[in-house]
PDB file of N, CA and C in Angstrom:
ATOM      1  N   UNK A   1     -25.553  44.211 145.613  1.00  0.00           N
ATOM      2  CA  UNK A   1     -24.396  44.901 145.403  1.00  0.00           C
ATOM      3  C   UNK A   1     -24.189  45.859 146.692  1.00  0.00           C
ATOM      4  N   UNK A   2     -22.792  45.727 147.112  1.00  0.00           N
ATOM      5  CA  UNK A   2     -22.797  46.249 148.639  1.00  0.00           C
ATOM      6  C   UNK A   2     -21.448  47.060 147.625  1.00  0.00           C
ATOM      7  N   UNK A   3     -21.953  48.335 148.114  1.00  0.00           N
ATOM      8  CA  UNK A   3     -21.328  49.986 147.754  1.00  0.00           C
ATOM      9  C   UNK A   3     -21.642  50.877 148.529  1.00  0.00           C
ATOM     10  N   UNK A   4     -20.748  51.426 149.573  1.00  0.00           N
ATOM     11  CA  UNK A   4     -20.549  52.763 150.023  1.00  0.00           C
ATOM     12  C   UNK A   4     -19.624  53.649 149.526  1.00  0.00           C
ATOM     13  N   UNK A   5     -20.488  55.169 149.359  1.00  0.00           N
ATOM     14  CA  UNK A   5     -19.282  56.394 148.922  1.00  0.00           C
ATOM     15  C   UNK A   5     -19.700  57.002 149.976  1.00  0.00           C
ATOM     16  N   UNK A   6     -18.183  57.476 150.188  1.00  0.00           N
ATOM     17  CA  UNK A   6     -18.270  58.886 150.872  1.00  0.00           C
ATOM     18  C   UNK A   6     -17.242  59.571 150.953  1.00  0.00           C
ATOM     19  N   UNK A   7     -17.792  61.024 151.346  1.00  0.00           N
ATOM     20  CA  UNK A   7     -17.050  61.724 151.011  1.00  0.00           C
ATOM     21  C   UNK A   7     -15.290  62.559 152.443  1.00  0.00           C
ATOM     22  N   UNK A   8     -14.673  63.120 151.684  1.00  0.00           N
ATOM     23  CA  UNK A   8     -13.255  63.302 152.421  1.00  0.00           C
ATOM     24  C   UNK A   8     -13.511  64.074 153.632  1.00  0.00           C
ATOM     25  N   UNK A   9     -12.911  63.610 154.890  1.00  0.00           N
ATOM     26  CA  UNK A   9     -13.046  64.120 155.937  1.00  0.00           C
ATOM     27  C   UNK A   9     -14.055  62.707 156.840  1.00  0.00           C
ATOM     28  N   UNK A  10     -14.936  62.025 156.368  1.00  0.00           N
ATOM     29  CA  UNK A  10     -15.274  61.079 157.179  1.00  0.00           C
ATOM     30  C   UNK A  10     -14.306  60.316 157.751  1.00  0.00           C
ATOM     31  N   UNK A  11     -13.915  59.592 158.892  1.00  0.00           N
ATOM     32  CA  UNK A  11     -13.266  58.463 159.447  1.00  0.00           C
ATOM     33  C   UNK A  11     -14.034  56.987 159.861  1.00  0.00           C
ATOM     34  N   UNK A  12     -15.734  56.945 159.725  1.00  0.00           N
ATOM     35  CA  UNK A  12     -16.727  55.975 159.983  1.00  0.00           C
ATOM     36  C   UNK A  12     -17.470  56.025 159.280  1.00  0.00           C
ATOM     37  N   UNK A  13     -17.355  54.657 159.128  1.00  0.00           N
ATOM     38  CA  UNK A  13     -19.169  54.566 158.556  1.00  0.00           C
ATOM     39  C   UNK A  13     -19.744  53.945 158.942  1.00  0.00           C
ATOM     40  N   UNK A  14     -20.714  54.333 159.886  1.00  0.00           N
ATOM     41  CA  UNK A  14     -22.212  53.020 160.140  1.00  0.00           C
ATOM     42  C   UNK A  14     -22.665  52.621 159.071  1.00  0.00           C
ATOM     43  N   UNK A  15     -23.069  51.731 158.746  1.00  0.00           N
ATOM     44  CA  UNK A  15     -24.177  50.168 158.442  1.00  0.00           C
ATOM     45  C   UNK A  15     -25.083  50.374 158.850  1.00  0.00           C
ATOM     46  N   UNK A  16     -26.681  50.839 157.983  1.00  0.00           N
ATOM     47  CA  UNK A  16     -27.800  50.232 158.646  1.00  0.00           C
ATOM     48  C   UNK A  16     -28.065  49.071 158.761  1.00  0.00           C
ATOM     49  N   UNK A  17     -28.856  48.512 158.936  1.00  0.00           N
ATOM     50  CA  UNK A  17     -28.893  48.093 160.407  1.00  0.00           C
ATOM     51  C   UNK A  17     -29.219  47.057 161.034  1.00  0.00           C
ATOM     52  N   UNK A  18     -28.301  46.717 162.276  1.00  0.00           N
ATOM     53  CA  UNK A  18     -28.396  45.378 162.900  1.00  0.00           C
ATOM     54  C   UNK A  18     -30.056  45.613 163.890  1.00  0.00           C
ATOM     55  N   UNK A  19     -30.864  44.833 163.032  1.00  0.00           N
ATOM     56  CA  UNK A  19     -32.225  44.743 164.180  1.00  0.00           C
ATOM     57  C   UNK A  19     -31.991  43.507 164.915  1.00  0.00           C
ATOM     58  N   UNK A  20     -33.110  43.746 165.924  1.00  0.00           N
ATOM     59  CA  UNK A  20     -33.492  42.072 167.066  1.00  0.00           C
ATOM     60  C   UNK A  20     -33.754  41.270 165.613  1.00  0.00           C
ATOM     61  N   UNK A  21     -34.510  41.336 165.444  1.00  0.00           N
ATOM     62  CA  UNK A  21     -34.377  39.922 164.043  1.00  0.00           C
ATOM     63  C   UNK A  21     -33.512  39.788 163.128  1.00  0.00           C
ATOM     64  N   UNK A  22     -32.809  40.848 162.967  1.00  0.00           N
ATOM     65  CA  UNK A  22     -31.644  40.869 162.364  1.00  0.00           C
ATOM     66  C   UNK A  22     -30.649  41.720 161.682  1.00  0.00           C
ATOM     67  N   UNK A  23     -30.024  41.147 160.825  1.00  0.00           N
ATOM     68  CA  UNK A  23     -29.555  42.577 160.088  1.00  0.00           C
ATOM     69  C   UNK A  23     -30.705  42.334 158.791  1.00  0.00           C
ATOM     70  N   UNK A  24     -30.636  44.077 158.192  1.00  0.00           N
ATOM     71  CA  UNK A  24     -31.699  44.744 157.265  1.00  0.00           C
ATOM     72  C   UNK A  24     -30.123  45.490 156.546  1.00  0.00           C
ATOM     73  N   UNK A  25     -30.730  46.361 155.049  1.00  0.00           N
ATOM     74  CA  UNK A  25     -30.544  47.226 154.426  1.00  0.00           C
ATOM     75  C   UNK A  25     -29.143  46.785 154.606  1.00  0.00           C
ATOM     76  N   UNK A  26     -28.264  47.321 154.516  1.00  0.00           N
ATOM     77  CA  UNK A  26     -26.195  48.335 154.350  1.00  0.00           C
ATOM     78  C   UNK A  26     -25.529  46.382 154.848  1.00  0.00           C
ATOM     79  N   UNK A  27     -25.930  46.306 156.309  1.00  0.00           N
ATOM     80  CA  UNK A  27     -25.976  45.176 156.948  1.00  0.00           C
ATOM     81  C   UNK A  27     -26.359  43.952 155.922  1.00  0.00           C
ATOM     82  N   UNK A  28     -27.540  43.771 155.834  1.00  0.00           N
ATOM     83  CA  UNK A  28     -27.157  42.941 155.138  1.00  0.00           C
ATOM     84  C   UNK A  28     -26.617  42.494 154.234  1.00  0.00           C
ATOM     85  N   UNK A  29     -27.181  43.148 153.427  1.00  0.00           N
ATOM     86  CA  UNK A  29     -25.851  43.418 151.773  1.00  0.00           C
ATOM     87  C   UNK A  29     -24.135  42.800 152.328  1.00  0.00           C
ATOM     88  N   UNK A  30     -23.443  43.863 153.579  1.00  0.00           N
ATOM     89  CA  UNK A  30     -22.482  43.421 153.519  1.00  0.00           C
ATOM     90  C   UNK A  30     -21.888  42.085 154.428  1.00  0.00           C
ATOM     91  N   UNK A  31     -23.115  41.495 154.913  1.00  0.00           N
ATOM     92  CA  UNK A  31     -22.659  40.255 155.119  1.00  0.00           C
ATOM     93  C   UNK A  31     -23.052  39.487 154.309  1.00  0.00           C
ATOM     94  N   UNK A  32     -24.338  39.382 153.378  1.00  0.00           N
ATOM     95  CA  UNK A  32     -23.843  38.763 152.455  1.00  0.00           C
ATOM     96  C   UNK A  32     -22.695  38.225 151.329  1.00  0.00           C
ATOM     97  N   UNK A  33     -21.794  39.221 151.296  1.00  0.00           N
ATOM     98  CA  UNK A  33     -20.637  39.474 150.306  1.00  0.00           C
ATOM     99  C   UNK A  33     -20.158  38.055 151.030  1.00  0.00           C
ATOM    100  N   UNK A  34     -19.269  37.307 149.699  1.00  0.00           N
ATOM    101  CA  UNK A  34     -18.332  36.704 150.336  1.00  0.00           C
ATOM    102  C   UNK A  34     -16.840  36.690 151.390  1.00  0.00           C
ATOM    103  N   UNK A  35     -16.700  35.801 151.723  1.00  0.00           N
ATOM    104  CA  UNK A  35     -15.132  36.727 152.892  1.00  0.00           C
ATOM    105  C   UNK A  35     -14.148  37.297 151.895  1.00  0.00           C
ATOM    106  N   UNK A  36     -13.968  36.753 150.704  1.00  0.00           N
ATOM    107  CA  UNK A  36     -12.537  37.595 149.926  1.00  0.00           C
ATOM    108  C   UNK A  36     -13.322  39.081 149.451  1.00  0.00           C
ATOM    109  N   UNK A  37     -14.973  39.137 148.993  1.00  0.00           N
ATOM    110  CA  UNK A  37     -15.468  40.251 149.271  1.00  0.00           C
ATOM    111  C   UNK A  37     -15.018  41.278 150.645  1.00  0.00           C
ATOM    112  N   UNK A  38     -15.823  41.183 151.320  1.00  0.00           N
ATOM    113  CA  UNK A  38     -15.470  41.977 152.598  1.00  0.00           C
ATOM    114  C   UNK A  38     -14.460  41.989 153.278  1.00  0.00           C
ATOM    115  N   UNK A  39     -13.554  41.202 152.644  1.00  0.00           N
ATOM    116  CA  UNK A  39     -11.846  41.883 152.864  1.00  0.00           C
ATOM    117  C   UNK A  39     -11.460  42.665 152.225  1.00  0.00           C
ATOM    118  N   UNK A  40     -11.855  42.465 150.833  1.00  0.00           N
ATOM    119  CA  UNK A  40     -11.187  43.449 150.048  1.00  0.00           C
ATOM    120  C   UNK A  40     -12.181  45.160 149.974  1.00  0.00           C
ATOM    121  N   UNK A  41     -13.086  45.191 150.785  1.00  0.00           N
ATOM    122  CA  UNK A  41     -13.897  46.292 150.805  1.00  0.00           C
ATOM    123  C   UNK A  41     -13.395  46.541 152.342  1.00  0.00           C
ATOM    124  N   UNK A  42     -12.750  45.394 153.274  1.00  0.00           N
ATOM    125  CA  UNK A  42     -12.672  46.154 154.353  1.00  0.00           C
ATOM    126  C   UNK A  42     -10.987  47.007 154.352  1.00  0.00           C
ATOM    127  N   UNK A  43     -10.363  46.156 153.286  1.00  0.00           N
ATOM    128  CA  UNK A  43      -9.335  47.085 153.044  1.00  0.00           C
ATOM    129  C   UNK A  43      -8.946  48.208 152.243  1.00  0.00           C
ATOM    130  N   UNK A  44     -10.257  48.357 151.215  1.00  0.00           N
ATOM    131  CA  UNK A  44     -10.461  49.736 150.763  1.00  0.00           C
ATOM    132  C   UNK A  44     -10.560  50.888 151.654  1.00  0.00           C
ATOM    133  N   UNK A  45     -11.294  50.777 152.823  1.00  0.00           N
ATOM    134  CA  UNK A  45     -11.683  51.509 153.948  1.00  0.00           C
ATOM    135  C   UNK A  45     -10.702  52.027 154.759  1.00  0.00           C
ATOM    136  N   UNK A  46      -9.915  51.177 155.195  1.00  0.00           N
ATOM    137  CA  UNK A  46      -9.011  51.171 156.439  1.00  0.00           C
ATOM    138  C   UNK A  46      -8.000  51.883 155.108  1.00  0.00           C
ATOM    139  N   UNK A  47      -7.563  51.410 153.999  1.00  0.00           N
ATOM    140  CA  UNK A  47      -6.344  52.157 153.619  1.00  0.00           C
ATOM    141  C   UNK A  47      -6.850  54.205 153.451  1.00  0.00           C
ATOM    142  N   UNK A  48      -8.530  54.131 153.692  1.00  0.00           N
ATOM    143  CA  UNK A  48      -9.174  55.527 153.279  1.00  0.00           C
ATOM    144  C   UNK A  48      -8.898  55.519 154.055  1.00  0.00           C
ATOM    145  N   UNK A  49      -8.347  55.451 156.421  1.00  0.00           N
ATOM    146  CA  UNK A  49      -8.901  55.721 157.139  1.00  0.00           C
ATOM    147  C   UNK A  49      -9.758  55.493 157.384  1.00  0.00           C
ATOM    148  N   UNK A  50     -10.742  54.810 157.127  1.00  0.00           N
ATOM    149  CA  UNK A  50     -12.170  54.199 157.759  1.00  0.00           C
ATOM    150  C   UNK A  50     -13.003  53.140 158.847  1.00  0.00           C
ATOM    151  N   UNK A  51     -13.703  53.290 159.692  1.00  0.00           N
ATOM    152  CA  UNK A  51     -13.621  52.349 160.549  1.00  0.00           C
ATOM    153  C   UNK A  51     -14.891  51.759 159.466  1.00  0.00           C
ATOM    154  N   UNK A  52     -15.775  50.613 159.321  1.00  0.00           N
ATOM    155  CA  UNK A  52     -16.786  50.336 159.195  1.00  0.00           C
ATOM    156  C   UNK A  52     -17.555  49.579 160.726  1.00  0.00           C
ATOM    157  N   UNK A  53     -18.217  50.138 160.564  1.00  0.00           N
ATOM    158  CA  UNK A  53     -19.626  49.715 162.346  1.00  0.00           C
ATOM    159  C   UNK A  53     -20.662  49.575 161.813  1.00  0.00           C
ATOM    160  N   UNK A  54     -21.748  48.876 162.749  1.00  0.00           N
ATOM    161  CA  UNK A  54     -22.980  48.588 162.359  1.00  0.00           C
ATOM    162  C   UNK A  54     -24.058  49.710 163.336  1.00  0.00           C
ATOM    163  N   UNK A  55     -25.175  49.612 162.521  1.00  0.00           N
ATOM    164  CA  UNK A  55     -25.717  50.128 163.734  1.00  0.00           C
ATOM    165  C   UNK A  55     -27.035  49.657 164.383  1.00  0.00           C
ATOM    166  N   UNK A  56     -27.235  50.114 165.881  1.00  0.00           N
ATOM    167  CA  UNK A  56     -28.282  48.727 166.167  1.00  0.00           C
ATOM    168  C   UNK A  56     -28.754  49.307 167.220  1.00  0.00           C
ATOM    169  N   UNK A  57     -30.115  48.564 167.087  1.00  0.00           N
ATOM    170  CA  UNK A  57     -31.330  49.042 167.892  1.00  0.00           C
ATOM    171  C   UNK A  57     -31.535  49.839 167.562  1.00  0.00           C
ATOM    172  N   UNK A  58     -32.403  50.075 166.218  1.00  0.00           N
ATOM    173  CA  UNK A  58     -32.548  51.568 166.214  1.00  0.00           C
ATOM    174  C   UNK A  58     -34.189  51.876 166.301  1.00  0.00           C
ATOM    175  N   UNK A  59     -34.889  52.976 165.571  1.00  0.00           N
ATOM    176  CA  UNK A  59     -36.225  53.219 165.735  1.00  0.00           C
ATOM    177  C   UNK A  59     -37.087  52.188 165.666  1.00  0.00           C
ATOM    178  N   UNK A  60     -36.845  51.002 164.994  1.00  0.00           N
ATOM    179  CA  UNK A  60     -37.726  49.975 164.530  1.00  0.00           C
ATOM    180  C   UNK A  60     -38.224  49.410 165.828  1.00  0.00           C
ATOM    181  N   UNK A  61     -36.804  49.500 166.544  1.00  0.00           N
ATOM    182  CA  UNK A  61     -36.333  47.794 167.931  1.00  0.00           C
ATOM    183  C   UNK A  61     -36.962  49.030 169.503  1.00  0.00           C
ATOM    184  N   UNK A  62     -37.886  48.408 169.367  1.00  0.00           N
ATOM    185  CA  UNK A  62     -38.066  48.440 171.336  1.00  0.00           C
ATOM    186  C   UNK A  62     -37.677  47.186 172.296  1.00  0.00           C
ATOM    187  N   UNK A  63     -36.197  47.463 172.343  1.00  0.00           N
ATOM    188  CA  UNK A  63     -36.077  45.796 172.823  1.00  0.00           C
ATOM    189  C   UNK A  63     -36.158  45.967 174.624  1.00  0.00           C
ATOM    190  N   UNK A  64     -36.331  47.232 175.628  1.00  0.00           N
ATOM    191  CA  UNK A  64     -36.627  47.412 176.632  1.00  0.00           C
ATOM    192  C   UNK A  64     -37.890  46.874 176.892  1.00  0.00           C
ATOM    193  N   UNK A  65     -38.701  47.673 176.168  1.00  0.00           N
ATOM    194  CA  UNK A  65     -39.822  47.487 175.864  1.00  0.00           C
ATOM    195  C   UNK A  65     -40.809  45.862 175.986  1.00  0.00           C
ATOM    196  N   UNK A  66     -40.013  45.616 174.365  1.00  0.00           N
ATOM    197  CA  UNK A  66     -40.128  44.201 174.188  1.00  0.00           C
ATOM    198  C   UNK A  66     -39.778  43.227 175.418  1.00  0.00           C
ATOM    199  N   UNK A  67     -39.164  43.511 176.446  1.00  0.00           N
ATOM    200  CA  UNK A  67     -38.220  42.680 177.360  1.00  0.00           C
ATOM    201  C   UNK A  67     -37.178  41.621 176.963  1.00  0.00           C
ATOM    202  N   UNK A  68     -36.746  42.513 176.026  1.00  0.00           N
ATOM    203  CA  UNK A  68     -35.396  41.403 175.699  1.00  0.00           C
ATOM    204  C   UNK A  68     -34.239  41.481 176.396  1.00  0.00           C
ATOM    205  N   UNK A  69     -33.642  40.521 176.148  1.00  0.00           N
ATOM    206  CA  UNK A  69     -32.828  40.677 177.694  1.00  0.00           C
ATOM    207  C   UNK A  69     -31.297  40.687 176.888  1.00  0.00           C
ATOM    208  N   UNK A  70     -30.992  42.512 177.412  1.00  0.00           N
ATOM    209  CA  UNK A  70     -29.509  43.592 177.212  1.00  0.00           C
ATOM    210  C   UNK A  70     -28.020  42.199 177.197  1.00  0.00           C
ATOM    211  N   UNK A  71     -28.335  41.425 178.241  1.00  0.00           N
ATOM    212  CA  UNK A  71     -27.163  41.024 177.487  1.00  0.00           C
ATOM    213  C   UNK A  71     -26.703  39.152 176.567  1.00  0.00           C
ATOM    214  N   UNK A  72     -27.715  38.871 175.957  1.00  0.00           N
ATOM    215  CA  UNK A  72     -27.687  37.808 175.651  1.00  0.00           C
ATOM    216  C   UNK A  72     -27.957  38.858 174.188  1.00  0.00           C
ATOM    217  N   UNK A  73     -28.646  40.011 174.472  1.00  0.00           N
ATOM    218  CA  UNK A  73     -28.801  40.608 172.765  1.00  0.00           C
ATOM    219  C   UNK A  73     -27.634  41.447 172.315  1.00  0.00           C
ATOM    220  N   UNK A  74     -26.847  41.645 173.304  1.00  0.00           N
ATOM    221  CA  UNK A  74     -25.207  42.551 173.253  1.00  0.00           C
ATOM    222  C   UNK A  74     -24.030  41.379 172.744  1.00  0.00           C
ATOM    223  N   UNK A  75     -24.177  40.203 173.393  1.00  0.00           N
ATOM    224  CA  UNK A  75     -23.563  39.112 173.106  1.00  0.00           C
ATOM    225  C   UNK A  75     -23.675  38.756 171.688  1.00  0.00           C
ATOM    226  N   UNK A  76     -24.870  38.750 170.530  1.00  0.00           N
ATOM    227  CA  UNK A  76     -25.550  38.098 169.894  1.00  0.00           C
ATOM    228  C   UNK A  76     -24.636  39.080 168.344  1.00  0.00           C
ATOM    229  N   UNK A  77     -24.998  40.287 168.996  1.00  0.00           N
ATOM    230  CA  UNK A  77     -24.701  41.363 167.978  1.00  0.00           C
ATOM    231  C   UNK A  77     -23.237  41.294 168.274  1.00  0.00           C
ATOM    232  N   UNK A  78     -22.381  41.923 169.387  1.00  0.00           N
ATOM    233  CA  UNK A  78     -21.204  41.250 169.020  1.00  0.00           C
ATOM    234  C   UNK A  78     -20.496  40.733 168.403  1.00  0.00           C
ATOM    235  N   UNK A  79     -21.321  39.276 168.939  1.00  0.00           N
ATOM    236  CA  UNK A  79     -20.872  37.991 167.960  1.00  0.00           C
ATOM    237  C   UNK A  79     -20.417  38.327 165.864  1.00  0.00           C
ATOM    238  N   UNK A  80     -21.941  39.240 165.597  1.00  0.00           N
ATOM    239  CA  UNK A  80     -21.817  39.221 164.086  1.00  0.00           C
ATOM    240  C   UNK A  80     -20.989  40.905 163.762  1.00  0.00           C
ATOM    241  N   UNK A  81     -20.975  41.514 164.574  1.00  0.00           N
ATOM    242  CA  UNK A  81     -19.758  42.029 164.211  1.00  0.00           C
ATOM    243  C   UNK A  81     -17.787  41.169 164.332  1.00  0.00           C
ATOM    244  N   UNK A  82     -17.987  40.248 165.289  1.00  0.00           N
ATOM    245  CA  UNK A  82     -16.703  39.714 165.354  1.00  0.00           C
ATOM    246  C   UNK A  82     -16.484  38.868 163.809  1.00  0.00           C
ATOM    247  N   UNK A  83     -17.849  38.364 163.793  1.00  0.00           N
ATOM    248  CA  UNK A  83     -17.806  37.305 162.287  1.00  0.00           C
ATOM    249  C   UNK A  83     -18.115  37.890 160.932  1.00  0.00           C
ATOM    250  N   UNK A  84     -17.751  39.011 161.306  1.00  0.00           N
ATOM    251  CA  UNK A  84     -18.757  39.813 159.962  1.00  0.00           C
ATOM    252  C   UNK A  84     -16.543  40.987 159.436  1.00  0.00           C
ATOM    253  N   UNK A  85     -16.160  41.071 160.381  1.00  0.00           N
ATOM    254  CA  UNK A  85     -15.116  42.128 160.766  1.00  0.00           C
ATOM    255  C   UNK A  85     -15.326  43.114 160.629  1.00  0.00           C
ATOM    256  N   UNK A  86     -16.358  43.627 160.947  1.00  0.00           N
ATOM    257  CA  UNK A  86     -16.511  44.977 161.653  1.00  0.00           C
ATOM    258  C   UNK A  86     -15.819  45.550 162.972  1.00  0.00           C
ATOM    259  N   UNK A  87     -16.129  47.109 162.559  1.00  0.00           N
ATOM    260  CA  UNK A  87     -14.764  48.068 163.581  1.00  0.00           C
ATOM    261  C   UNK A  87     -15.557  48.319 165.182  1.00  0.00           C
ATOM    262  N   UNK A  88     -17.137  47.495 165.226  1.00  0.00           N
ATOM    263  CA  UNK A  88     -17.593  48.542 166.163  1.00  0.00           C
ATOM    264  C   UNK A  88     -19.268  48.439 166.127  1.00  0.00           C
ATOM    265  N   UNK A  89     -19.560  49.177 166.845  1.00  0.00           N
ATOM    266  CA  UNK A  89     -20.920  49.365 166.906  1.00  0.00           C
ATOM    267  C   UNK A  89     -21.955  50.913 167.451  1.00  0.00           C
ATOM    268  N   UNK A  90     -22.425  51.056 166.893  1.00  0.00           N
ATOM    269  CA  UNK A  90     -23.275  51.988 167.141  1.00  0.00           C
ATOM    270  C   UNK A  90     -24.438  52.018 167.831  1.00  0.00           C
ATOM    271  N   UNK A  91     -24.863  52.433 168.949  1.00  0.00           N
ATOM    272  CA  UNK A  91     -25.839  52.100 169.514  1.00  0.00           C
ATOM    273  C   UNK A  91     -26.902  53.612 169.025  1.00  0.00           C
ATOM    274  N   UNK A  92     -27.978  53.394 168.208  1.00  0.00           N
ATOM    275  CA  UNK A  92     -28.862  53.707 168.038  1.00  0.00           C
ATOM    276  C   UNK A  92     -30.320  53.182 168.696  1.00  0.00           C
ATOM    277  N   UNK A  93     -30.430  53.358 169.820  1.00  0.00           N
ATOM    278  CA  UNK A  93     -31.490  53.359 170.749  1.00  0.00           C
ATOM    279  C   UNK A  93     -32.456  53.970 170.408  1.00  0.00           C
ATOM    280  N   UNK A  94     -33.812  53.223 169.904  1.00  0.00           N
ATOM    281  CA  UNK A  94     -34.904  54.112 169.992  1.00  0.00           C
ATOM    282  C   UNK A  94     -36.022  53.490 171.019  1.00  0.00           C
ATOM    283  N   UNK A  95     -36.298  53.459 171.904  1.00  0.00           N
ATOM    284  CA  UNK A  95     -36.948  52.825 172.322  1.00  0.00           C
ATOM    285  C   UNK A  95     -37.652  53.928 173.132  1.00  0.00           C
ATOM    286  N   UNK A  96     -38.631  54.543 172.706  1.00  0.00           N
ATOM    287  CA  UNK A  96     -38.751  55.963 173.420  1.00  0.00           C
ATOM    288  C   UNK A  96     -39.703  56.113 174.511  1.00  0.00           C
ATOM    289  N   UNK A  97     -40.470  54.730 174.299  1.00  0.00           N
ATOM    290  CA  UNK A  97     -41.251  54.078 176.266  1.00  0.00           C
ATOM    291  C   UNK A  97     -40.791  54.288 177.304  1.00  0.00           C
ATOM    292  N   UNK A  98     -40.056  53.361 176.368  1.00  0.00           N
ATOM    293  CA  UNK A  98     -38.717  52.919 177.534  1.00  0.00           C
ATOM    294  C   UNK A  98     -37.749  54.316 178.244  1.00  0.00           C
ATOM    295  N   UNK A  99     -38.260  54.487 177.779  1.00  0.00           N
ATOM    296  CA  UNK A  99     -37.196  56.352 178.615  1.00  0.00           C
ATOM    297  C   UNK A  99     -38.595  57.049 179.137  1.00  0.00           C
ATOM    298  N   UNK A 100     -39.747  56.923 178.583  1.00  0.00           N
ATOM    299  CA  UNK A 100     -40.465  57.553 179.231  1.00  0.00           C
ATOM    300  C   UNK A 100     -40.831  56.893 180.262  1.00  0.00           C
ATOM    301  N   UNK A 101     -40.509  56.274 180.722  1.00  0.00           N
ATOM    302  CA  UNK A 101     -41.120  54.367 181.590  1.00  0.00           C
ATOM    303  C   UNK A 101     -40.222  55.149 182.648  1.00  0.00           C
ATOM    304  N   UNK A 102     -38.600  55.427 182.117  1.00  0.00           N
ATOM    305  CA  UNK A 102     -37.635  55.230 183.036  1.00  0.00           C
ATOM    306  C   UNK A 102     -36.966  54.001 183.017  1.00  0.00           C
ATOM    307  N   UNK A 103     -37.254  53.391 182.413  1.00  0.00           N
ATOM    308  CA  UNK A 103     -36.362  51.740 182.035  1.00  0.00           C
ATOM    309  C   UNK A 103     -35.425  51.792 181.035  1.00  0.00           C
ATOM    310  N   UNK A 104     -35.377  52.727 180.315  1.00  0.00           N
ATOM    311  CA  UNK A 104     -34.215  52.525 179.648  1.00  0.00           C
ATOM    312  C   UNK A 104     -32.797  52.567 179.442  1.00  0.00           C
ATOM    313  N   UNK A 105     -32.467  53.824 180.302  1.00  0.00           N
ATOM    314  CA  UNK A 105     -31.420  53.642 181.295  1.00  0.00           C
ATOM    315  C   UNK A 105     -30.866  52.868 181.779  1.00  0.00           C
ATOM    316  N   UNK A 106     -31.641  51.811 182.652  1.00  0.00           N
ATOM    317  CA  UNK A 106     -31.312  50.495 182.852  1.00  0.00           C
ATOM    318  C   UNK A 106     -30.839  49.800 182.473  1.00  0.00           C
ATOM    319  N   UNK A 107     -31.621  49.680 181.607  1.00  0.00           N
ATOM    320  CA  UNK A 107     -31.214  48.400 179.916  1.00  0.00           C
ATOM    321  C   UNK A 107     -30.450  48.640 179.070  1.00  0.00           C
ATOM    322  N   UNK A 108     -30.609  50.138 178.376  1.00  0.00           N
ATOM    323  CA  UNK A 108     -28.794  50.891 177.906  1.00  0.00           C
ATOM    324  C   UNK A 108     -27.288  50.620 178.761  1.00  0.00           C
ATOM    325  N   UNK A 109     -27.171  50.746 180.175  1.00  0.00           N
ATOM    326  CA  UNK A 109     -25.764  50.640 180.551  1.00  0.00           C
ATOM    327  C   UNK A 109     -26.032  49.330 180.557  1.00  0.00           C
ATOM    328  N   UNK A 110     -26.385  48.130 180.833  1.00  0.00           N
ATOM    329  CA  UNK A 110     -26.448  46.149 180.873  1.00  0.00           C
ATOM    330  C   UNK A 110     -25.592  46.588 179.846  1.00  0.00           C
ATOM    331  N   UNK A 111     -26.703  46.539 178.452  1.00  0.00           N
ATOM    332  CA  UNK A 111     -26.159  46.948 177.464  1.00  0.00           C
ATOM    333  C   UNK A 111     -25.147  47.135 176.843  1.00  0.00           C
ATOM    334  N   UNK A 112     -24.554  48.074 177.357  1.00  0.00           N
ATOM    335  CA  UNK A 112     -23.454  48.634 176.692  1.00  0.00           C
ATOM    336  C   UNK A 112     -22.257  48.018 177.520  1.00  0.00           C
ATOM    337  N   UNK A 113     -22.493  47.667 178.345  1.00  0.00           N
ATOM    338  CA  UNK A 113     -21.219  46.958 179.367  1.00  0.00           C
ATOM    339  C   UNK A 113     -20.902  46.035 179.242  1.00  0.00           C
ATOM    340  N   UNK A 114     -22.289  45.297 178.411  1.00  0.00           N
ATOM    341  CA  UNK A 114     -21.797  43.445 177.974  1.00  0.00           C
ATOM    342  C   UNK A 114     -21.393  43.938 176.449  1.00  0.00           C
ATOM    343  N   UNK A 115     -21.445  45.148 176.053  1.00  0.00           N
ATOM    344  CA  UNK A 115     -21.123  45.330 174.497  1.00  0.00           C
ATOM    345  C   UNK A 115     -19.218  45.216 174.613  1.00  0.00           C
ATOM    346  N   UNK A 116     -19.233  45.767 175.922  1.00  0.00           N
ATOM    347  CA  UNK A 116     -17.178  45.968 176.161  1.00  0.00           C
ATOM    348  C   UNK A 116     -17.016  45.122 176.816  1.00  0.00           C
ATOM    349  N   UNK A 117     -18.063  43.977 176.963  1.00  0.00           N
ATOM    350  CA  UNK A 117     -16.715  42.464 177.325  1.00  0.00           C
ATOM    351  C   UNK A 117     -16.849  41.779 176.103  1.00  0.00           C
ATOM    352  N   UNK A 118     -16.750  42.522 174.910  1.00  0.00           N
ATOM    353  CA  UNK A 118     -16.428  41.437 174.010  1.00  0.00           C
ATOM    354  C   UNK A 118     -15.512  42.962 173.029  1.00  0.00           C
TER     355      UNK A 118
END
């Protein structure tokens, strides 16, 4: 069952997590709802002034270090958001080794630019 609670004053809920290997946790539960159930949930949040987004590339993912193509994964993740009628993406990039090596910035720039195309 999918259920989120929120306090007054919040206008965004970020579901966790869409990883390189697919949806987990809240994202998986939301995507597992029927089209009608998702529509009802989205209407509830919209009526409360809340956008529902998905958090991607969290601390367990190492996209740059793993050699993941930022354009391909951005397209895949953007399509997931579109297919599930979500409002956007929160990039929660945690590839620490890529930051240390100085390769994270270029990957993130390419990934973010590709997301914006969708």
